[in-house]
Amino acid sequence: MKKTLLTLLIPCAFSASAAYQQAHDPHVVGGLPTVTCQMEIVTPPVTPGETHNPDGYYDSALELSGDALKTALNQIISTGITKLPYSSSSFDVWDALDITDEDPNNSNNVILLYTGRSQAKGQKSGQGSLGQDNWNREHTYPKSNGGFDNSNAYAYTDIHHLRPADESVNGRRGNLEFDNGGSEVTEAPGNYVDSDSFEPRDAVKGDVARMMFYMATRYEGKDNSDPANPDLELVPAVTNNGTALGNVCVLLEWNNQDPVDNFEFERNAKIQKIQGNRNPFVDNPHWAESIFRKDCTQ
């Protein structure tokens, strides 16, 4: 990630509004603190179309495309994994999300996926005092539809697709697949829902798409390390059928519409430290086209 630091030589004061912050860090809803006399300009962490290969992580996949690329990525991101307990007195998924989804402007809070709300880490299910506004752990690839509705499965506790979410909004999404359209969710403006699908707010559409691409690449059926491994597939329609999830055509649109930002990029790095693998579609969003465009047959 390239950074350029610009220091102003005249007295200055700048207090960012919520609207400014929403435009520049759309994951976060809320105002920024006052900034005086310095401004840091950060270029996008991932340049579209360029291959990002941190510390040679993707060396074995660089010259590949299509199904061969998917197979190579599966091998890379399935190696050296630390499986976290879902709930435990030791370090678990709750603790991991406190780190991966921490509000960059308030280390006491996490950012909720669908609402964008910054909320205290302690205001979570089973501990908080906010009732249905406590946050819980959203399986963005629904565990009930994905065939891994058991905490012993790696997919169940894979923090690449687990995100903090408002309890009631998470419940409104349920296990619906992803597509455009529906009625706006009153509690979470910008999100839409109908009888068979859910559309997240614009600021996280790409995040959601890249999590789905990761899941469909990481989980390709049973293997020696995880007999409960599901075989997840992305399909060009909302089906509500088994381990297949739609709509891959819309997910590809969202991937292009909402590029990787610093929050998502840094989250990927944090997960590698905790869980041992990266999401290749955060590092290289263009790989989604190479692998999944053939599945969009609409």
Protein backbone atom coordinates (compact mmCIF):
# COMPACT_ATOMS: atom_id res chain seq x y z
CA MET A 1 0.00 0.00 0.00
CA LYS A 2 1.53 3.29 -1.06
CA LYS A 3 1.15 6.29 1.20
CA THR A 4 2.08 9.91 0.68
CA LEU A 5 2.19 12.21 3.69
CA LEU A 6 1.47 15.87 2.99
CA THR A 7 2.26 18.33 5.78
CA LEU A 8 0.69 21.79 5.49
CA LEU A 9 2.93 24.68 6.52
CA ILE A 10 0.16 27.07 7.50
CA PRO A 11 -2.11 26.90 10.57
CA CYS A 12 -5.12 24.79 9.75
CA ALA A 13 -8.04 23.03 11.32
CA PHE A 14 -10.35 20.53 9.74
CA SER A 15 -13.30 18.78 11.31
CA ALA A 16 -14.78 16.13 9.03
CA SER A 17 -18.51 15.69 8.87
CA ALA A 18 -20.27 12.35 8.83
CA ALA A 19 -20.94 12.90 5.11
CA TYR A 20 -17.24 13.41 4.43
CA GLN A 21 -16.30 10.29 6.34
CA GLN A 22 -18.99 8.26 4.60
CA ALA A 23 -17.53 9.30 1.24
CA HIS A 24 -13.93 8.53 2.18
CA ASP A 25 -14.33 5.50 4.43
CA PRO A 26 -17.82 4.24 3.63
CA HIS A 27 -17.61 1.29 6.02
CA VAL A 28 -17.89 3.71 8.92
CA VAL A 29 -20.90 5.84 9.76
CA GLY A 30 -20.10 8.76 12.05
CA GLY A 31 -17.92 11.87 12.29
CA LEU A 32 -14.15 12.09 12.33
CA PRO A 33 -12.12 13.86 15.02
CA THR A 34 -10.55 17.23 14.28
CA VAL A 35 -7.38 17.06 12.16
CA THR A 36 -4.82 19.85 12.37
CA CYS A 37 -2.05 20.76 9.95
CA GLN A 38 -1.48 17.32 8.44
CA MET A 39 -3.25 15.30 5.84
CA GLU A 40 -2.40 11.73 4.83
CA ILE A 41 -3.27 10.81 1.26
CA VAL A 42 -3.62 7.06 0.73
CA THR A 43 -3.87 5.56 -2.72
CA PRO A 44 -6.20 2.58 -3.22
CA PRO A 45 -4.64 -0.54 -1.66
CA VAL A 46 -5.29 -2.66 -4.76
CA THR A 47 -4.79 -1.39 -8.32
CA PRO A 48 -7.48 -2.86 -10.60
CA GLY A 49 -6.07 -5.46 -12.98
CA GLU A 50 -2.66 -5.62 -11.33
CA THR A 51 -1.60 -8.77 -9.48
CA HIS A 52 -0.83 -8.40 -5.79
CA ASN A 53 1.39 -11.19 -4.45
CA PRO A 54 2.35 -10.44 -0.81
CA ASP A 55 5.55 -12.24 0.16
CA GLY A 56 5.10 -14.69 -2.71
CA TYR A 57 1.86 -16.05 -1.25
CA TYR A 58 0.35 -16.69 -4.70
CA ASP A 59 3.49 -17.81 -6.53
CA SER A 60 2.02 -21.14 -7.63
CA ALA A 61 -1.09 -19.46 -9.11
CA LEU A 62 0.36 -16.51 -11.00
CA GLU A 63 0.43 -17.96 -14.53
CA LEU A 64 -2.97 -19.69 -14.32
CA SER A 65 -6.56 -18.83 -15.17
CA GLY A 66 -10.04 -20.32 -14.96
CA ASP A 67 -10.49 -23.67 -13.22
CA ALA A 68 -6.73 -24.21 -12.95
CA LEU A 69 -6.43 -20.91 -11.08
CA LYS A 70 -9.28 -21.89 -8.78
CA THR A 71 -7.64 -25.23 -7.99
CA ALA A 72 -4.30 -23.58 -7.24
CA LEU A 73 -5.92 -20.97 -4.99
CA ASN A 74 -7.85 -23.67 -3.15
CA GLN A 75 -4.58 -25.40 -2.32
CA ILE A 76 -2.93 -22.16 -1.22
CA ILE A 77 -5.73 -20.92 1.04
CA SER A 78 -6.44 -24.36 2.52
CA THR A 79 -2.89 -24.76 3.83
CA GLY A 80 -1.66 -23.78 7.28
CA ILE A 81 -5.10 -22.95 8.68
CA THR A 82 -5.76 -22.31 12.35
CA LYS A 83 -9.34 -23.31 13.14
CA LEU A 84 -10.82 -21.02 15.78
CA PRO A 85 -13.42 -22.19 18.30
CA TYR A 86 -16.75 -20.51 17.69
CA SER A 87 -17.29 -19.75 21.39
CA SER A 88 -14.74 -20.48 24.07
CA SER A 89 -13.16 -19.19 27.23
CA SER A 90 -9.95 -18.98 25.19
CA PHE A 91 -9.43 -16.96 21.99
CA ASP A 92 -12.45 -17.52 19.76
CA VAL A 93 -14.40 -16.03 16.86
CA TRP A 94 -15.79 -13.25 19.08
CA ASP A 95 -12.25 -12.17 19.95
CA ALA A 96 -11.11 -12.40 16.34
CA LEU A 97 -13.92 -10.15 15.07
CA ASP A 98 -13.03 -7.58 17.75
CA ILE A 99 -9.69 -7.32 15.93
CA THR A 100 -10.60 -7.78 12.27
CA ASP A 101 -13.60 -5.43 12.25
CA GLU A 102 -12.34 -2.81 14.69
CA ASP A 103 -13.44 0.74 13.91
CA PRO A 104 -10.27 2.48 12.60
CA ASN A 105 -11.39 5.64 14.41
CA ASN A 106 -12.35 4.04 17.74
CA SER A 107 -10.49 1.00 19.03
CA ASN A 108 -13.30 0.25 21.50
CA ASN A 109 -15.80 -0.40 18.70
CA VAL A 110 -16.43 -2.66 15.72
CA ILE A 111 -18.12 -1.74 12.44
CA LEU A 112 -21.36 -3.61 11.73
CA LEU A 113 -21.56 -4.97 8.20
CA TYR A 114 -25.03 -4.03 6.98
CA THR A 115 -25.77 -0.90 9.02
CA GLY A 116 -22.25 0.56 8.99
CA ARG A 117 -22.80 1.46 12.63
CA SER A 118 -19.81 1.76 14.94
CA GLN A 119 -20.73 -0.12 18.11
CA ALA A 120 -18.95 -0.99 21.35
CA LYS A 121 -17.27 -4.38 21.26
CA GLY A 122 -19.01 -5.32 24.50
CA GLN A 123 -22.49 -4.62 23.10
CA LYS A 124 -22.73 -8.10 21.60
CA SER A 125 -25.18 -10.97 21.91
CA GLY A 126 -25.19 -12.47 25.37
CA GLN A 127 -23.29 -9.56 26.90
CA GLY A 128 -24.73 -6.28 25.69
CA SER A 129 -27.69 -4.25 26.91
CA LEU A 130 -29.14 -3.21 23.54
CA GLY A 131 -31.48 -6.13 22.94
CA GLN A 132 -31.99 -6.69 19.21
CA ASP A 133 -29.46 -3.93 18.54
CA ASN A 134 -26.65 -5.96 20.07
CA TRP A 135 -24.28 -7.31 17.44
CA ASN A 136 -23.83 -10.94 16.58
CA ARG A 137 -21.81 -13.03 14.13
CA GLU A 138 -23.16 -13.03 10.60
CA HIS A 139 -22.31 -15.98 8.34
CA THR A 140 -22.40 -14.12 5.04
CA TYR A 141 -22.45 -17.48 3.27
CA PRO A 142 -25.45 -18.92 5.16
CA LYS A 143 -24.38 -21.93 7.19
CA SER A 144 -27.81 -23.55 6.93
CA ASN A 145 -27.80 -23.31 3.12
CA GLY A 146 -24.13 -24.14 2.83
CA GLY A 147 -24.35 -27.50 4.55
CA PHE A 148 -21.96 -26.59 7.36
CA ASP A 149 -24.41 -25.94 10.19
CA ASN A 150 -22.00 -27.44 12.72
CA SER A 151 -19.31 -25.59 14.64
CA ASN A 152 -16.89 -28.47 14.02
CA ALA A 153 -16.71 -27.53 10.34
CA TYR A 154 -13.95 -25.16 9.25
CA ALA A 155 -16.44 -23.15 7.19
CA TYR A 156 -18.57 -22.51 10.28
CA THR A 157 -15.80 -20.58 12.04
CA ASP A 158 -13.98 -19.16 9.00
CA ILE A 159 -13.61 -15.48 9.84
CA HIS A 160 -13.15 -14.50 6.20
CA HIS A 161 -16.95 -14.62 5.88
CA LEU A 162 -17.97 -13.95 9.49
CA ARG A 163 -18.81 -10.32 10.21
CA PRO A 164 -20.34 -8.33 13.08
CA ALA A 165 -23.96 -7.44 12.31
CA ASP A 166 -26.91 -5.89 14.08
CA GLU A 167 -28.99 -8.78 15.50
CA SER A 168 -32.31 -7.75 14.03
CA VAL A 169 -30.85 -6.83 10.63
CA ASN A 170 -28.99 -10.13 10.57
CA GLY A 171 -32.27 -11.84 11.34
CA ARG A 172 -33.97 -9.95 8.53
CA ARG A 173 -31.34 -11.19 6.11
CA GLY A 174 -31.65 -14.73 7.52
CA ASN A 175 -30.28 -17.25 5.02
CA LEU A 176 -31.38 -15.35 1.92
CA GLU A 177 -29.09 -15.33 -1.09
CA PHE A 178 -27.67 -12.19 -2.69
CA ASP A 179 -29.33 -10.30 -5.54
CA ASN A 180 -30.55 -6.82 -6.47
CA GLY A 181 -33.96 -5.49 -5.52
CA GLY A 182 -36.61 -5.65 -2.86
CA SER A 183 -37.91 -3.27 -0.23
CA GLU A 184 -35.56 -1.12 1.81
CA VAL A 185 -34.80 -2.45 5.29
CA THR A 186 -36.17 0.20 7.64
CA GLU A 187 -33.50 -0.27 10.28
CA ALA A 188 -30.69 -0.39 7.73
CA PRO A 189 -31.27 2.10 4.90
CA GLY A 190 -29.51 1.17 1.68
CA ASN A 191 -30.11 -2.54 2.23
CA TYR A 192 -33.00 -4.23 0.39
CA VAL A 193 -34.84 -7.49 0.95
CA ASP A 194 -37.54 -9.53 -0.74
CA SER A 195 -38.86 -13.07 -0.33
CA ASP A 196 -35.76 -14.83 -1.64
CA SER A 197 -32.82 -12.41 -1.68
CA PHE A 198 -30.94 -9.66 0.12
CA GLU A 199 -29.07 -6.66 -1.30
CA PRO A 200 -26.48 -5.04 1.01
CA ARG A 201 -25.67 -1.34 1.06
CA ASP A 202 -23.43 -0.01 -1.71
CA ALA A 203 -20.38 0.47 0.52
CA VAL A 204 -20.05 -3.27 1.22
CA LYS A 205 -21.40 -4.83 -1.98
CA GLY A 206 -17.88 -5.65 -3.15
CA ASP A 207 -16.90 -6.93 0.28
CA VAL A 208 -19.84 -9.35 0.22
CA ALA A 209 -19.05 -10.50 -3.32
CA ARG A 210 -15.40 -11.17 -2.52
CA MET A 211 -16.36 -13.13 0.60
CA MET A 212 -18.62 -15.31 -1.54
CA PHE A 213 -15.86 -15.86 -4.13
CA TYR A 214 -13.52 -16.87 -1.30
CA MET A 215 -15.99 -19.37 0.15
CA ALA A 216 -16.69 -21.00 -3.22
CA THR A 217 -12.93 -21.36 -3.79
CA ARG A 218 -11.89 -22.45 -0.29
CA TYR A 219 -14.62 -25.07 0.17
CA GLU A 220 -14.54 -27.56 -2.68
CA GLY A 221 -15.75 -30.69 -0.90
CA LYS A 222 -14.42 -33.11 1.71
CA ASP A 223 -10.69 -33.29 2.29
CA ASN A 224 -8.40 -35.12 4.69
CA SER A 225 -8.21 -32.25 7.16
CA ASP A 226 -11.96 -31.58 7.27
CA PRO A 227 -14.40 -34.41 6.44
CA ALA A 228 -17.21 -31.87 6.98
CA ASN A 229 -15.94 -29.60 4.20
CA PRO A 230 -18.90 -28.49 2.07
CA ASP A 231 -18.77 -28.14 -1.70
CA LEU A 232 -19.94 -24.56 -2.24
CA GLU A 233 -20.95 -23.27 -5.65
CA LEU A 234 -22.05 -19.88 -7.00
CA VAL A 235 -24.85 -20.00 -9.56
CA PRO A 236 -26.52 -17.45 -11.88
CA ALA A 237 -29.86 -17.36 -10.09
CA VAL A 238 -31.34 -17.33 -6.61
CA THR A 239 -32.19 -20.97 -5.98
CA ASN A 240 -32.46 -21.50 -2.20
CA ASN A 241 -31.26 -24.97 -3.05
CA GLY A 242 -28.59 -26.79 -1.06
CA THR A 243 -25.02 -25.54 -1.14
CA ALA A 244 -25.47 -23.44 -4.31
CA LEU A 245 -25.77 -19.68 -3.78
CA GLY A 246 -26.82 -16.94 -6.19
CA ASN A 247 -26.56 -14.65 -7.88
CA VAL A 248 -23.03 -14.96 -9.23
CA CYS A 249 -23.74 -12.52 -12.09
CA VAL A 250 -24.77 -9.84 -9.59
CA LEU A 251 -21.80 -10.65 -7.35
CA LEU A 252 -19.46 -10.03 -10.28
CA GLU A 253 -21.15 -6.66 -10.83
CA TRP A 254 -20.75 -5.77 -7.16
CA ASN A 255 -17.09 -6.78 -7.25
CA ASN A 256 -16.50 -4.13 -9.93
CA GLN A 257 -18.88 -1.57 -8.47
CA ASP A 258 -17.32 -1.47 -5.00
CA PRO A 259 -13.50 -1.75 -5.16
CA VAL A 260 -11.33 -2.92 -2.28
CA ASP A 261 -10.68 -0.17 0.26
CA ASN A 262 -8.27 0.12 3.17
CA PHE A 263 -10.66 -1.38 5.72
CA GLU A 264 -11.15 -4.55 3.65
CA PHE A 265 -7.48 -4.78 2.68
CA GLU A 266 -6.27 -4.45 6.26
CA ARG A 267 -8.93 -6.90 7.46
CA ASN A 268 -7.47 -9.48 5.07
CA ALA A 269 -4.00 -9.00 6.55
CA LYS A 270 -5.32 -9.31 10.10
CA ILE A 271 -7.08 -12.56 9.24
CA GLN A 272 -3.90 -14.01 7.81
CA LYS A 273 -2.18 -13.38 11.14
CA ILE A 274 -5.03 -14.97 13.11
CA GLN A 275 -6.28 -17.76 10.85
CA GLY A 276 -3.32 -18.32 8.54
CA ASN A 277 -4.77 -17.59 5.09
CA ARG A 278 -5.79 -14.70 2.85
CA ASN A 279 -8.77 -13.95 0.64
CA PRO A 280 -7.25 -13.95 -2.88
CA PHE A 281 -10.15 -11.90 -4.25
CA VAL A 282 -9.36 -9.02 -1.91
CA ASP A 283 -5.74 -9.09 -3.07
CA ASN A 284 -6.68 -9.68 -6.73
CA PRO A 285 -10.33 -8.83 -7.49
CA HIS A 286 -9.82 -9.47 -11.22
CA TRP A 287 -9.36 -13.18 -10.52
CA ALA A 288 -13.11 -13.38 -9.89
CA GLU A 289 -13.73 -12.72 -13.58
CA SER A 290 -11.27 -15.40 -14.62
CA ILE A 291 -12.84 -18.03 -12.39
CA PHE A 292 -16.54 -17.22 -12.10
CA ARG A 293 -17.54 -15.40 -15.31
CA LYS A 294 -18.17 -18.74 -17.05
CA ASP A 295 -20.77 -19.55 -14.36
CA CYS A 296 -22.77 -16.45 -15.26
CA THR A 297 -24.89 -17.90 -18.05
CA GLN A 298 -27.80 -15.45 -17.94
